[in-house]
Amino acid sequence: MSREKVSGLVEIREMTIDDLAGVFHLGEQLFTSDFSPSMYRTWDEYEVTTLFNSDSQLCLVAELDDDLVGFALGTTVEKQNSAWKYGYLVWIGVKPGLQKGGAGHKLFAEIRHRMEGQGVRMIVIDTDAENEAGINFFKKQGFGNIQKHVYMTLNLAKQRRRRKAKNG
């Protein structure tokens, strides 16, 4: 089956409560610490349920032959004293092996359409600076103005262990 043909058969629809487990488990496969060891957002059940409960119109799934093969989870942000409404594409993922078959493009096109319908003037995404596949995907969707930012962490658990070991 060619990639174009796979893309044509992929159906995009709004996520339902019955999709929560499938989306969560697919995200577990995709968003591991190997994917991005410095991710400031972590993939967990609260990410999926919170977005689903707060902005279900921007929670989409991709299906191929009744099999969940991808998802996009987004939200909108309105800043005080700003005329602009922003869309934030929080997560987008496609099942391994199908990632260049068009499902991601279809998911993005639909979430963009829905955000535009909600009055969004700018869509924001973020990804790890070393996620070349993700950056290339977003460039193909029209994103630009790539900004590098400093991201720092402080692992308190490691500090506690060191102090305990030091103090014996």
N, C-alpha and C. Protein backbone atom coordinates (compact mmCIF):
# COMPACT_ATOMS: atom_id res chain seq x y z
N MET A 1 0.84 -1.17 0.00
CA MET A 1 0.00 0.00 0.00
C MET A 1 0.90 1.24 0.00
N SER A 2 0.72 2.14 -0.96
CA SER A 2 1.56 3.32 -1.04
C SER A 2 1.21 4.32 0.05
N ARG A 3 2.13 5.20 0.32
CA ARG A 3 1.90 6.21 1.37
C ARG A 3 0.74 7.12 1.00
N GLU A 4 0.63 7.51 -0.28
CA GLU A 4 -0.49 8.37 -0.68
C GLU A 4 -1.82 7.67 -0.43
N LYS A 5 -1.85 6.38 -0.72
CA LYS A 5 -3.07 5.60 -0.52
C LYS A 5 -3.40 5.50 0.97
N VAL A 6 -2.39 5.30 1.81
CA VAL A 6 -2.62 5.27 3.25
C VAL A 6 -3.23 6.58 3.69
N SER A 7 -2.67 7.70 3.22
CA SER A 7 -3.17 9.02 3.59
C SER A 7 -4.64 9.17 3.21
N GLY A 8 -4.99 8.68 2.03
CA GLY A 8 -6.38 8.81 1.57
C GLY A 8 -7.35 8.02 2.42
N LEU A 9 -6.90 6.94 3.04
CA LEU A 9 -7.79 6.10 3.83
C LEU A 9 -7.88 6.54 5.29
N VAL A 10 -7.00 7.44 5.72
CA VAL A 10 -6.99 7.90 7.10
C VAL A 10 -8.17 8.83 7.33
N GLU A 11 -8.92 8.54 8.38
CA GLU A 11 -10.06 9.37 8.75
C GLU A 11 -9.70 10.15 10.02
N ILE A 12 -9.98 11.45 10.00
CA ILE A 12 -9.75 12.31 11.16
C ILE A 12 -11.10 12.61 11.78
N ARG A 13 -11.16 12.44 13.10
CA ARG A 13 -12.42 12.75 13.80
C ARG A 13 -12.11 13.25 15.20
N GLU A 14 -13.13 13.83 15.80
CA GLU A 14 -12.97 14.31 17.17
C GLU A 14 -12.83 13.12 18.12
N MET A 15 -11.95 13.25 19.07
CA MET A 15 -11.70 12.19 20.04
C MET A 15 -12.94 12.01 20.92
N THR A 16 -13.21 10.77 21.30
CA THR A 16 -14.30 10.48 22.23
C THR A 16 -13.70 9.88 23.50
N ILE A 17 -14.52 9.74 24.50
CA ILE A 17 -14.04 9.16 25.76
C ILE A 17 -13.49 7.75 25.55
N ASP A 18 -14.05 7.03 24.58
CA ASP A 18 -13.58 5.67 24.30
C ASP A 18 -12.17 5.65 23.70
N ASP A 19 -11.69 6.79 23.21
CA ASP A 19 -10.35 6.87 22.62
C ASP A 19 -9.26 7.17 23.64
N LEU A 20 -9.63 7.57 24.85
CA LEU A 20 -8.64 8.02 25.83
C LEU A 20 -7.52 7.00 26.06
N ALA A 21 -7.87 5.76 26.28
CA ALA A 21 -6.84 4.74 26.55
C ALA A 21 -5.93 4.54 25.34
N GLY A 22 -6.50 4.46 24.14
CA GLY A 22 -5.70 4.27 22.94
C GLY A 22 -4.75 5.42 22.68
N VAL A 23 -5.23 6.64 22.88
CA VAL A 23 -4.37 7.82 22.70
C VAL A 23 -3.26 7.81 23.74
N PHE A 24 -3.63 7.52 24.98
CA PHE A 24 -2.62 7.48 26.04
C PHE A 24 -1.53 6.46 25.73
N HIS A 25 -1.92 5.26 25.34
CA HIS A 25 -0.94 4.20 25.09
C HIS A 25 -0.08 4.48 23.85
N LEU A 26 -0.65 5.08 22.83
CA LEU A 26 0.15 5.47 21.67
C LEU A 26 1.15 6.56 22.09
N GLY A 27 0.71 7.51 22.87
CA GLY A 27 1.62 8.55 23.37
C GLY A 27 2.74 7.98 24.21
N GLU A 28 2.44 6.93 24.98
CA GLU A 28 3.49 6.26 25.77
C GLU A 28 4.58 5.70 24.87
N GLN A 29 4.19 5.19 23.70
CA GLN A 29 5.16 4.64 22.74
C GLN A 29 6.00 5.75 22.12
N LEU A 30 5.38 6.90 21.88
CA LEU A 30 6.03 7.98 21.14
C LEU A 30 6.84 8.93 21.99
N PHE A 31 6.31 9.31 23.14
CA PHE A 31 6.91 10.39 23.93
C PHE A 31 7.61 9.84 25.17
N THR A 32 8.70 9.16 24.92
CA THR A 32 9.50 8.57 25.98
C THR A 32 10.66 9.51 26.31
N SER A 33 11.40 9.20 27.34
CA SER A 33 12.57 10.02 27.67
C SER A 33 13.63 9.91 26.57
N ASP A 34 13.61 8.81 25.80
CA ASP A 34 14.53 8.70 24.66
C ASP A 34 14.17 9.71 23.58
N PHE A 35 12.88 9.96 23.43
CA PHE A 35 12.40 10.92 22.43
C PHE A 35 12.93 12.31 22.77
N SER A 36 12.81 12.69 24.02
CA SER A 36 13.25 14.02 24.43
C SER A 36 13.57 13.99 25.92
N PRO A 37 14.84 13.77 26.26
CA PRO A 37 15.20 13.64 27.67
C PRO A 37 14.98 14.91 28.48
N SER A 38 14.82 16.06 27.81
CA SER A 38 14.64 17.30 28.56
C SER A 38 13.24 17.87 28.43
N MET A 39 12.28 17.04 28.05
CA MET A 39 10.92 17.55 27.88
C MET A 39 10.41 18.14 29.18
N TYR A 40 9.90 19.36 29.08
CA TYR A 40 9.34 19.98 30.28
C TYR A 40 7.91 19.55 30.51
N ARG A 41 7.25 19.10 29.48
CA ARG A 41 5.92 18.51 29.63
C ARG A 41 6.12 17.01 29.60
N THR A 42 5.46 16.34 30.48
CA THR A 42 5.60 14.89 30.47
C THR A 42 4.31 14.25 29.98
N TRP A 43 4.48 13.15 29.30
CA TRP A 43 3.32 12.44 28.78
C TRP A 43 2.76 11.59 29.91
N ASP A 44 1.55 11.87 30.31
CA ASP A 44 0.89 11.06 31.32
C ASP A 44 -0.62 11.16 31.10
N GLU A 45 -1.34 10.40 31.88
CA GLU A 45 -2.80 10.36 31.70
C GLU A 45 -3.45 11.72 31.93
N TYR A 46 -2.82 12.57 32.75
CA TYR A 46 -3.40 13.89 33.02
C TYR A 46 -3.32 14.79 31.80
N GLU A 47 -2.27 14.65 31.00
CA GLU A 47 -2.16 15.43 29.76
C GLU A 47 -3.36 15.15 28.87
N VAL A 48 -3.68 13.89 28.68
CA VAL A 48 -4.76 13.51 27.78
C VAL A 48 -6.10 13.92 28.37
N THR A 49 -6.36 13.56 29.61
CA THR A 49 -7.69 13.83 30.20
C THR A 49 -7.93 15.32 30.41
N THR A 50 -6.91 16.06 30.79
CA THR A 50 -7.09 17.50 31.01
C THR A 50 -7.42 18.20 29.70
N LEU A 51 -6.69 17.90 28.64
CA LEU A 51 -6.98 18.52 27.35
C LEU A 51 -8.34 18.08 26.83
N PHE A 52 -8.67 16.80 26.99
CA PHE A 52 -9.97 16.30 26.54
C PHE A 52 -11.10 17.00 27.30
N ASN A 53 -10.95 17.17 28.60
CA ASN A 53 -12.00 17.80 29.40
C ASN A 53 -12.10 19.29 29.19
N SER A 54 -11.00 19.95 28.83
CA SER A 54 -11.02 21.40 28.71
C SER A 54 -11.28 21.89 27.29
N ASP A 55 -10.88 21.14 26.29
CA ASP A 55 -10.99 21.63 24.91
C ASP A 55 -11.19 20.46 23.95
N SER A 56 -12.25 19.70 24.14
CA SER A 56 -12.44 18.46 23.38
C SER A 56 -12.53 18.67 21.87
N GLN A 57 -12.96 19.86 21.42
CA GLN A 57 -13.02 20.11 19.98
C GLN A 57 -11.63 20.13 19.35
N LEU A 58 -10.60 20.32 20.17
CA LEU A 58 -9.23 20.34 19.65
C LEU A 58 -8.47 19.08 20.03
N CYS A 59 -9.19 18.02 20.31
CA CYS A 59 -8.60 16.70 20.56
C CYS A 59 -9.08 15.78 19.46
N LEU A 60 -8.17 15.42 18.57
CA LEU A 60 -8.52 14.67 17.37
C LEU A 60 -7.78 13.35 17.32
N VAL A 61 -8.37 12.39 16.62
CA VAL A 61 -7.70 11.13 16.38
C VAL A 61 -7.71 10.83 14.88
N ALA A 62 -6.72 10.05 14.47
CA ALA A 62 -6.64 9.56 13.10
C ALA A 62 -6.88 8.06 13.16
N GLU A 63 -7.74 7.57 12.28
CA GLU A 63 -8.03 6.14 12.21
C GLU A 63 -7.73 5.61 10.81
N LEU A 64 -7.23 4.41 10.78
CA LEU A 64 -7.00 3.69 9.54
C LEU A 64 -7.59 2.30 9.73
N ASP A 65 -8.59 1.98 8.95
CA ASP A 65 -9.28 0.68 9.08
C ASP A 65 -9.71 0.43 10.52
N ASP A 66 -10.35 1.41 11.14
CA ASP A 66 -10.86 1.34 12.52
C ASP A 66 -9.76 1.17 13.57
N ASP A 67 -8.51 1.42 13.21
CA ASP A 67 -7.40 1.34 14.15
C ASP A 67 -6.90 2.76 14.41
N LEU A 68 -6.79 3.14 15.67
CA LEU A 68 -6.29 4.46 16.03
C LEU A 68 -4.80 4.52 15.69
N VAL A 69 -4.43 5.44 14.78
CA VAL A 69 -3.05 5.52 14.33
C VAL A 69 -2.40 6.87 14.62
N GLY A 70 -3.14 7.80 15.18
CA GLY A 70 -2.55 9.10 15.48
C GLY A 70 -3.51 9.97 16.27
N PHE A 71 -2.96 11.07 16.76
CA PHE A 71 -3.78 12.02 17.52
C PHE A 71 -3.14 13.40 17.48
N ALA A 72 -3.96 14.39 17.73
CA ALA A 72 -3.50 15.77 17.91
C ALA A 72 -4.30 16.33 19.08
N LEU A 73 -3.59 16.95 20.02
CA LEU A 73 -4.23 17.52 21.19
C LEU A 73 -3.82 18.99 21.28
N GLY A 74 -4.81 19.87 21.30
CA GLY A 74 -4.51 21.29 21.34
C GLY A 74 -5.42 22.03 22.30
N THR A 75 -5.13 23.31 22.42
CA THR A 75 -5.94 24.19 23.26
C THR A 75 -5.77 25.60 22.73
N THR A 76 -6.54 26.52 23.28
CA THR A 76 -6.39 27.93 22.92
C THR A 76 -6.00 28.72 24.15
N VAL A 77 -5.34 29.82 23.91
CA VAL A 77 -4.88 30.68 24.99
C VAL A 77 -5.25 32.12 24.65
N GLU A 78 -5.91 32.77 25.56
CA GLU A 78 -6.21 34.19 25.41
C GLU A 78 -5.47 34.94 26.50
N LYS A 79 -4.63 35.87 26.08
CA LYS A 79 -3.84 36.63 27.05
C LYS A 79 -4.59 37.91 27.39
N GLN A 80 -4.52 38.27 28.65
CA GLN A 80 -5.15 39.50 29.11
C GLN A 80 -4.51 40.69 28.39
N ASN A 81 -5.33 41.65 28.03
CA ASN A 81 -4.90 42.87 27.33
C ASN A 81 -4.30 42.59 25.95
N SER A 82 -4.70 41.50 25.34
CA SER A 82 -4.25 41.19 23.98
C SER A 82 -5.46 40.88 23.12
N ALA A 83 -5.46 41.42 21.92
CA ALA A 83 -6.56 41.15 21.00
C ALA A 83 -6.39 39.79 20.32
N TRP A 84 -5.24 39.19 20.51
CA TRP A 84 -4.95 37.94 19.82
C TRP A 84 -5.37 36.74 20.65
N LYS A 85 -5.85 35.74 19.94
CA LYS A 85 -6.14 34.44 20.54
C LYS A 85 -5.14 33.47 19.90
N TYR A 86 -4.46 32.70 20.74
CA TYR A 86 -3.43 31.79 20.27
C TYR A 86 -3.93 30.36 20.34
N GLY A 87 -3.50 29.57 19.38
CA GLY A 87 -3.71 28.13 19.43
C GLY A 87 -2.42 27.49 19.85
N TYR A 88 -2.51 26.50 20.69
CA TYR A 88 -1.31 25.77 21.14
C TYR A 88 -1.52 24.31 20.81
N LEU A 89 -0.74 23.82 19.86
CA LEU A 89 -0.75 22.40 19.52
C LEU A 89 0.18 21.73 20.51
N VAL A 90 -0.39 21.10 21.52
CA VAL A 90 0.37 20.57 22.63
C VAL A 90 1.06 19.25 22.25
N TRP A 91 0.32 18.35 21.63
CA TRP A 91 0.86 17.05 21.24
C TRP A 91 0.31 16.66 19.88
N ILE A 92 1.15 16.06 19.06
CA ILE A 92 0.71 15.42 17.83
C ILE A 92 1.59 14.20 17.64
N GLY A 93 0.97 13.08 17.34
CA GLY A 93 1.74 11.86 17.19
C GLY A 93 1.07 10.89 16.24
N VAL A 94 1.89 10.13 15.54
CA VAL A 94 1.41 9.12 14.60
C VAL A 94 2.17 7.83 14.87
N LYS A 95 1.45 6.74 14.79
CA LYS A 95 1.98 5.41 15.04
C LYS A 95 3.27 5.16 14.24
N PRO A 96 4.29 4.60 14.88
CA PRO A 96 5.53 4.28 14.17
C PRO A 96 5.24 3.41 12.93
N GLY A 97 5.94 3.71 11.86
CA GLY A 97 5.74 2.99 10.61
C GLY A 97 4.78 3.71 9.68
N LEU A 98 3.96 4.60 10.23
CA LEU A 98 3.01 5.36 9.41
C LEU A 98 3.31 6.85 9.44
N GLN A 99 4.45 7.22 10.00
CA GLN A 99 4.72 8.62 10.27
C GLN A 99 5.00 9.47 9.03
N LYS A 100 5.20 8.88 7.91
CA LYS A 100 5.38 9.69 6.70
C LYS A 100 4.27 9.39 5.70
N GLY A 101 3.16 8.88 6.19
CA GLY A 101 2.06 8.50 5.31
C GLY A 101 0.95 9.52 5.16
N GLY A 102 1.08 10.68 5.78
CA GLY A 102 0.08 11.73 5.60
C GLY A 102 -0.89 11.92 6.76
N ALA A 103 -0.91 11.01 7.72
CA ALA A 103 -1.86 11.15 8.84
C ALA A 103 -1.56 12.39 9.67
N GLY A 104 -0.28 12.67 9.89
CA GLY A 104 0.09 13.87 10.66
C GLY A 104 -0.37 15.13 9.96
N HIS A 105 -0.18 15.18 8.65
CA HIS A 105 -0.62 16.34 7.88
C HIS A 105 -2.13 16.53 7.99
N LYS A 106 -2.87 15.42 7.87
CA LYS A 106 -4.33 15.50 7.97
C LYS A 106 -4.77 15.94 9.37
N LEU A 107 -4.10 15.42 10.39
CA LEU A 107 -4.41 15.85 11.76
C LEU A 107 -4.15 17.35 11.93
N PHE A 108 -2.99 17.80 11.45
CA PHE A 108 -2.67 19.22 11.60
C PHE A 108 -3.65 20.09 10.82
N ALA A 109 -3.98 19.69 9.59
CA ALA A 109 -4.91 20.48 8.78
C ALA A 109 -6.26 20.63 9.50
N GLU A 110 -6.73 19.57 10.11
CA GLU A 110 -8.03 19.64 10.80
C GLU A 110 -7.96 20.48 12.07
N ILE A 111 -6.89 20.34 12.85
CA ILE A 111 -6.80 21.13 14.08
C ILE A 111 -6.61 22.61 13.72
N ARG A 112 -5.87 22.88 12.66
CA ARG A 112 -5.73 24.27 12.20
C ARG A 112 -7.08 24.85 11.81
N HIS A 113 -7.84 24.09 11.04
CA HIS A 113 -9.17 24.52 10.61
C HIS A 113 -10.06 24.83 11.83
N ARG A 114 -10.03 23.95 12.81
CA ARG A 114 -10.84 24.16 14.02
C ARG A 114 -10.37 25.37 14.82
N MET A 115 -9.06 25.56 14.90
CA MET A 115 -8.54 26.72 15.61
C MET A 115 -8.93 28.02 14.90
N GLU A 116 -8.82 28.02 13.58
CA GLU A 116 -9.24 29.20 12.83
C GLU A 116 -10.71 29.51 13.08
N GLY A 117 -11.52 28.46 13.14
CA GLY A 117 -12.94 28.64 13.42
C GLY A 117 -13.21 29.21 14.81
N GLN A 118 -12.27 29.02 15.73
CA GLN A 118 -12.41 29.55 17.08
C GLN A 118 -11.76 30.94 17.22
N GLY A 119 -11.30 31.51 16.10
CA GLY A 119 -10.74 32.86 16.14
C GLY A 119 -9.26 32.94 16.45
N VAL A 120 -8.56 31.82 16.36
CA VAL A 120 -7.12 31.81 16.62
C VAL A 120 -6.40 32.57 15.51
N ARG A 121 -5.45 33.42 15.90
CA ARG A 121 -4.68 34.20 14.93
C ARG A 121 -3.26 33.67 14.76
N MET A 122 -2.78 32.86 15.71
CA MET A 122 -1.43 32.31 15.60
C MET A 122 -1.41 30.96 16.33
N ILE A 123 -0.78 29.97 15.70
CA ILE A 123 -0.61 28.66 16.33
C ILE A 123 0.83 28.54 16.79
N VAL A 124 1.00 28.07 18.00
CA VAL A 124 2.31 27.89 18.60
C VAL A 124 2.53 26.41 18.86
N ILE A 125 3.74 25.96 18.60
CA ILE A 125 4.15 24.59 18.95
C ILE A 125 5.50 24.69 19.62
N ASP A 126 5.88 23.66 20.30
CA ASP A 126 7.26 23.57 20.75
C ASP A 126 7.70 22.12 20.63
N THR A 127 8.97 21.95 20.41
CA THR A 127 9.54 20.61 20.31
C THR A 127 11.01 20.70 20.69
N ASP A 128 11.58 19.60 21.00
CA ASP A 128 13.00 19.55 21.34
C ASP A 128 13.82 20.03 20.15
N ALA A 129 14.86 20.80 20.42
CA ALA A 129 15.71 21.36 19.36
C ALA A 129 16.38 20.28 18.52
N GLU A 130 16.51 19.07 19.04
CA GLU A 130 17.14 17.99 18.29
C GLU A 130 16.14 17.07 17.59
N ASN A 131 14.87 17.40 17.67
CA ASN A 131 13.82 16.61 17.02
C ASN A 131 13.71 17.05 15.56
N GLU A 132 14.67 16.61 14.76
CA GLU A 132 14.73 17.03 13.36
C GLU A 132 13.49 16.63 12.58
N ALA A 133 12.97 15.43 12.82
CA ALA A 133 11.77 14.98 12.11
C ALA A 133 10.59 15.89 12.45
N GLY A 134 10.45 16.23 13.72
CA GLY A 134 9.36 17.10 14.13
C GLY A 134 9.50 18.50 13.55
N ILE A 135 10.71 19.04 13.60
CA ILE A 135 10.95 20.38 13.05
C ILE A 135 10.65 20.40 11.56
N ASN A 136 11.11 19.38 10.83
CA ASN A 136 10.83 19.31 9.38
C ASN A 136 9.34 19.18 9.12
N PHE A 137 8.64 18.39 9.94
CA PHE A 137 7.19 18.26 9.78
C PHE A 137 6.52 19.63 9.92
N PHE A 138 6.88 20.36 10.97
CA PHE A 138 6.23 21.65 11.21
C PHE A 138 6.61 22.68 10.15
N LYS A 139 7.82 22.63 9.63
CA LYS A 139 8.19 23.52 8.53
C LYS A 139 7.30 23.26 7.32
N LYS A 140 7.03 21.98 7.03
CA LYS A 140 6.18 21.63 5.90
C LYS A 140 4.75 22.13 6.10
N GLN A 141 4.34 22.32 7.35
CA GLN A 141 3.00 22.82 7.63
C GLN A 141 2.95 24.35 7.58
N GLY A 142 4.11 24.99 7.36
CA GLY A 142 4.14 26.44 7.23
C GLY A 142 4.73 27.18 8.42
N PHE A 143 5.16 26.47 9.44
CA PHE A 143 5.74 27.13 10.61
C PHE A 143 7.11 27.70 10.26
N GLY A 144 7.42 28.81 10.86
CA GLY A 144 8.72 29.44 10.69
C GLY A 144 9.10 30.12 11.99
N ASN A 145 10.01 31.06 11.90
CA ASN A 145 10.45 31.83 13.07
C ASN A 145 10.89 30.90 14.20
N ILE A 146 11.76 29.97 13.85
CA ILE A 146 12.25 29.01 14.84
C ILE A 146 13.09 29.74 15.88
N GLN A 147 12.74 29.57 17.12
CA GLN A 147 13.45 30.20 18.23
C GLN A 147 14.12 29.13 19.07
N LYS A 148 15.34 29.37 19.42
CA LYS A 148 16.01 28.47 20.36
C LYS A 148 15.86 29.09 21.73
N HIS A 149 15.63 28.27 22.71
CA HIS A 149 15.51 28.79 24.06
C HIS A 149 16.29 27.91 25.02
N VAL A 150 16.64 28.50 26.11
CA VAL A 150 17.37 27.76 27.14
C VAL A 150 16.34 27.07 28.02
N TYR A 151 16.60 25.82 28.27
CA TYR A 151 15.72 25.02 29.11
C TYR A 151 16.59 24.38 30.17
N MET A 152 16.26 24.61 31.41
CA MET A 152 17.08 24.08 32.50
C MET A 152 16.20 23.29 33.46
N THR A 153 16.79 22.30 34.10
CA THR A 153 16.07 21.52 35.09
C THR A 153 16.90 21.42 36.36
N LEU A 154 16.22 21.19 37.45
CA LEU A 154 16.87 20.95 38.73
C LEU A 154 16.20 19.71 39.30
N ASN A 155 16.93 18.61 39.33
CA ASN A 155 16.38 17.35 39.80
C ASN A 155 16.54 17.30 41.32
N LEU A 156 15.47 17.59 42.02
CA LEU A 156 15.51 17.64 43.48
C LEU A 156 15.74 16.27 44.11
N ALA A 157 15.25 15.23 43.47
CA ALA A 157 15.43 13.89 44.00
C ALA A 157 16.92 13.52 44.05
N LYS A 158 17.65 13.87 43.00
CA LYS A 158 19.09 13.58 42.97
C LYS A 158 19.82 14.37 44.06
N GLN A 159 19.43 15.62 44.26
CA GLN A 159 20.08 16.43 45.30
C GLN A 159 19.83 15.84 46.69
N ARG A 160 18.62 15.36 46.93
CA ARG A 160 18.30 14.75 48.23
C ARG A 160 19.14 13.50 48.46
N ARG A 161 19.27 12.68 47.43
CA ARG A 161 20.08 11.45 47.56
C ARG A 161 21.53 11.80 47.85
N ARG A 162 22.04 12.81 47.18
CA ARG A 162 23.43 13.21 47.40
C ARG A 162 23.62 13.70 48.84
N ARG A 163 22.66 14.49 49.32
CA ARG A 163 22.76 15.00 50.69
C ARG A 163 22.69 13.88 51.70
N LYS A 164 21.78 12.92 51.45
CA LYS A 164 21.68 11.77 52.36
C LYS A 164 22.98 10.98 52.38
N ALA A 165 23.55 10.73 51.19
CA ALA A 165 24.79 9.97 51.11
C ALA A 165 25.94 10.73 51.79
N LYS A 166 25.95 12.02 51.62
CA LYS A 166 27.01 12.85 52.21
C LYS A 166 26.89 12.91 53.74
N ASN A 167 25.65 13.01 54.21
CA ASN A 167 25.42 13.13 55.65
C ASN A 167 25.34 11.77 56.35
N GLY A 168 25.28 10.72 55.54
CA GLY A 168 25.31 9.34 56.01
C GLY A 168 24.24 8.96 56.90
